[in-house]
Amino acid sequence: MAKPMIRIHNTQTDEVIDREMNDQEFAAYEAEQAAEATRKAEAEAKATAKAALLTRLGITAEEAQLLLGGN
């Protein structure tokens, strides 16, 4: 698999350089992608658990906000 490209734009000279990420940049990129996937999975799990709880309680999200003193 080819590594993602990086674009470097020197605004003083208007020179544009496109190059592949080096190993260090690619490792950081992969780590950020994995962290984002984890955050997304956690958010989805939380939303699913919240929906299940609201269903068990037989109330809507709006009604839950009223119980919590939300606007």
N, C-alpha and C. Protein backbone atom coordinates (compact mmCIF):
# COMPACT_ATOMS: atom_id res chain seq x y z
N MET A 1 0.84 -1.18 0.00
CA MET A 1 0.00 0.00 0.00
C MET A 1 0.89 1.24 0.00
N ALA A 2 0.57 2.15 -0.87
CA ALA A 2 1.32 3.40 -0.93
C ALA A 2 0.94 4.27 0.26
N LYS A 3 1.90 5.00 0.74
CA LYS A 3 1.66 5.90 1.87
C LYS A 3 0.92 7.13 1.38
N PRO A 4 0.12 7.76 2.26
CA PRO A 4 -0.58 8.99 1.88
C PRO A 4 0.42 10.09 1.50
N MET A 5 -0.06 11.01 0.72
CA MET A 5 0.78 12.11 0.25
C MET A 5 0.65 13.30 1.19
N ILE A 6 1.74 14.07 1.22
CA ILE A 6 1.78 15.33 1.97
C ILE A 6 2.06 16.43 0.96
N ARG A 7 1.33 17.53 1.09
CA ARG A 7 1.57 18.69 0.23
C ARG A 7 2.16 19.79 1.08
N ILE A 8 3.30 20.29 0.65
CA ILE A 8 3.97 21.40 1.34
C ILE A 8 3.91 22.59 0.39
N HIS A 9 3.33 23.69 0.89
CA HIS A 9 3.18 24.88 0.06
C HIS A 9 3.94 26.02 0.72
N ASN A 10 5.00 26.47 0.09
CA ASN A 10 5.76 27.62 0.56
C ASN A 10 5.06 28.86 0.01
N THR A 11 4.40 29.59 0.91
CA THR A 11 3.63 30.74 0.46
C THR A 11 4.50 31.92 0.04
N GLN A 12 5.75 31.92 0.49
CA GLN A 12 6.63 33.02 0.10
C GLN A 12 7.11 32.87 -1.34
N THR A 13 7.41 31.64 -1.74
CA THR A 13 7.90 31.40 -3.11
C THR A 13 6.82 30.80 -4.00
N ASP A 14 5.68 30.41 -3.41
CA ASP A 14 4.57 29.76 -4.10
C ASP A 14 4.98 28.39 -4.65
N GLU A 15 6.05 27.82 -4.09
CA GLU A 15 6.49 26.48 -4.49
C GLU A 15 5.63 25.44 -3.78
N VAL A 16 5.21 24.42 -4.54
CA VAL A 16 4.40 23.34 -3.99
C VAL A 16 5.15 22.03 -4.18
N ILE A 17 5.29 21.28 -3.08
CA ILE A 17 5.97 19.99 -3.12
C ILE A 17 4.99 18.93 -2.64
N ASP A 18 4.77 17.91 -3.44
CA ASP A 18 3.97 16.76 -3.06
C ASP A 18 4.91 15.58 -2.87
N ARG A 19 4.77 14.91 -1.71
CA ARG A 19 5.63 13.76 -1.44
C ARG A 19 4.90 12.77 -0.56
N GLU A 20 5.39 11.52 -0.55
CA GLU A 20 4.83 10.52 0.35
C GLU A 20 5.27 10.82 1.77
N MET A 21 4.44 10.40 2.73
CA MET A 21 4.81 10.53 4.14
C MET A 21 6.06 9.68 4.39
N ASN A 22 6.92 10.18 5.28
CA ASN A 22 8.05 9.35 5.69
C ASN A 22 7.55 8.38 6.76
N ASP A 23 8.42 7.48 7.22
CA ASP A 23 8.01 6.44 8.17
C ASP A 23 7.45 7.02 9.47
N GLN A 24 8.08 8.06 9.98
CA GLN A 24 7.63 8.67 11.23
C GLN A 24 6.25 9.33 11.05
N GLU A 25 6.07 10.06 9.97
CA GLU A 25 4.80 10.71 9.70
C GLU A 25 3.69 9.67 9.49
N PHE A 26 4.04 8.57 8.79
CA PHE A 26 3.06 7.53 8.53
C PHE A 26 2.66 6.83 9.82
N ALA A 27 3.60 6.60 10.72
CA ALA A 27 3.29 5.97 12.01
C ALA A 27 2.35 6.87 12.81
N ALA A 28 2.60 8.17 12.82
CA ALA A 28 1.73 9.11 13.52
C ALA A 28 0.34 9.14 12.88
N TYR A 29 0.32 9.10 11.56
CA TYR A 29 -0.96 9.08 10.82
C TYR A 29 -1.77 7.83 11.17
N GLU A 30 -1.11 6.68 11.18
CA GLU A 30 -1.80 5.43 11.51
C GLU A 30 -2.31 5.45 12.96
N ALA A 31 -1.51 5.99 13.88
CA ALA A 31 -1.92 6.08 15.28
C ALA A 31 -3.15 6.97 15.41
N GLU A 32 -3.17 8.07 14.69
CA GLU A 32 -4.32 8.98 14.75
C GLU A 32 -5.56 8.32 14.13
N GLN A 33 -5.37 7.57 13.06
CA GLN A 33 -6.50 6.86 12.45
C GLN A 33 -7.08 5.83 13.42
N ALA A 34 -6.21 5.10 14.12
CA ALA A 34 -6.66 4.10 15.09
C ALA A 34 -7.37 4.78 16.26
N ALA A 35 -6.82 5.90 16.73
CA ALA A 35 -7.45 6.63 17.84
C ALA A 35 -8.82 7.16 17.43
N GLU A 36 -8.94 7.65 16.22
CA GLU A 36 -10.23 8.15 15.72
C GLU A 36 -11.23 7.01 15.61
N ALA A 37 -10.80 5.85 15.14
CA ALA A 37 -11.70 4.69 15.05
C ALA A 37 -12.18 4.28 16.44
N THR A 38 -11.28 4.34 17.43
CA THR A 38 -11.65 4.01 18.81
C THR A 38 -12.66 5.01 19.35
N ARG A 39 -12.41 6.31 19.13
CA ARG A 39 -13.34 7.35 19.58
C ARG A 39 -14.72 7.16 18.95
N LYS A 40 -14.73 6.83 17.66
CA LYS A 40 -15.99 6.65 16.96
C LYS A 40 -16.74 5.43 17.51
N ALA A 41 -16.03 4.33 17.74
CA ALA A 41 -16.66 3.13 18.28
C ALA A 41 -17.21 3.39 19.68
N GLU A 42 -16.46 4.12 20.50
CA GLU A 42 -16.93 4.45 21.85
C GLU A 42 -18.17 5.33 21.81
N ALA A 43 -18.19 6.30 20.90
CA ALA A 43 -19.35 7.19 20.77
C ALA A 43 -20.58 6.40 20.31
N GLU A 44 -20.37 5.48 19.36
CA GLU A 44 -21.48 4.66 18.89
C GLU A 44 -22.01 3.74 19.99
N ALA A 45 -21.09 3.17 20.78
CA ALA A 45 -21.50 2.29 21.88
C ALA A 45 -22.28 3.08 22.93
N LYS A 46 -21.83 4.30 23.21
CA LYS A 46 -22.52 5.14 24.18
C LYS A 46 -23.91 5.51 23.68
N ALA A 47 -24.03 5.85 22.40
CA ALA A 47 -25.33 6.20 21.83
C ALA A 47 -26.27 5.00 21.85
N THR A 48 -25.74 3.82 21.56
CA THR A 48 -26.56 2.61 21.58
C THR A 48 -27.04 2.31 22.99
N ALA A 49 -26.14 2.45 23.97
CA ALA A 49 -26.52 2.21 25.36
C ALA A 49 -27.56 3.22 25.83
N LYS A 50 -27.40 4.47 25.42
CA LYS A 50 -28.36 5.50 25.80
C LYS A 50 -29.74 5.21 25.20
N ALA A 51 -29.76 4.81 23.92
CA ALA A 51 -31.02 4.49 23.27
C ALA A 51 -31.69 3.30 23.94
N ALA A 52 -30.89 2.30 24.31
CA ALA A 52 -31.44 1.12 24.99
C ALA A 52 -32.03 1.49 26.35
N LEU A 53 -31.34 2.35 27.07
CA LEU A 53 -31.84 2.78 28.38
C LEU A 53 -33.14 3.56 28.23
N LEU A 54 -33.18 4.48 27.28
CA LEU A 54 -34.41 5.26 27.07
C LEU A 54 -35.57 4.34 26.69
N THR A 55 -35.28 3.32 25.87
CA THR A 55 -36.32 2.36 25.48
C THR A 55 -36.81 1.59 26.70
N ARG A 56 -35.88 1.15 27.54
CA ARG A 56 -36.27 0.42 28.76
C ARG A 56 -37.10 1.29 29.69
N LEU A 57 -36.76 2.56 29.77
CA LEU A 57 -37.50 3.48 30.64
C LEU A 57 -38.81 3.93 30.00
N GLY A 58 -38.91 3.75 28.68
CA GLY A 58 -40.13 4.15 27.98
C GLY A 58 -40.27 5.64 27.82
N ILE A 59 -39.13 6.36 27.71
CA ILE A 59 -39.17 7.82 27.55
C ILE A 59 -38.34 8.23 26.34
N THR A 60 -38.59 9.44 25.87
CA THR A 60 -37.82 9.97 24.76
C THR A 60 -36.59 10.73 25.29
N ALA A 61 -35.70 11.06 24.39
CA ALA A 61 -34.52 11.83 24.77
C ALA A 61 -34.92 13.19 25.32
N GLU A 62 -35.97 13.78 24.74
CA GLU A 62 -36.45 15.08 25.22
C GLU A 62 -36.98 14.97 26.65
N GLU A 63 -37.70 13.89 26.93
CA GLU A 63 -38.22 13.69 28.28
C GLU A 63 -37.09 13.46 29.27
N ALA A 64 -36.05 12.77 28.85
CA ALA A 64 -34.89 12.55 29.70
C ALA A 64 -34.22 13.87 30.03
N GLN A 65 -34.12 14.77 29.06
CA GLN A 65 -33.53 16.09 29.29
C GLN A 65 -34.35 16.87 30.32
N LEU A 66 -35.67 16.76 30.24
CA LEU A 66 -36.53 17.43 31.21
C LEU A 66 -36.26 16.89 32.62
N LEU A 67 -36.08 15.59 32.75
CA LEU A 67 -35.80 14.98 34.04
C LEU A 67 -34.46 15.44 34.61
N LEU A 68 -33.51 15.70 33.72
CA LEU A 68 -32.18 16.12 34.14
C LEU A 68 -32.08 17.63 34.33
N GLY A 69 -33.16 18.34 34.06
CA GLY A 69 -33.14 19.79 34.22
C GLY A 69 -32.58 20.51 33.04
N GLY A 70 -32.49 19.84 31.90
CA GLY A 70 -32.00 20.48 30.69
C GLY A 70 -33.04 21.39 30.08
N ASN A 71 -32.62 22.17 29.09
CA ASN A 71 -33.53 23.12 28.45
C ASN A 71 -34.45 22.41 27.51
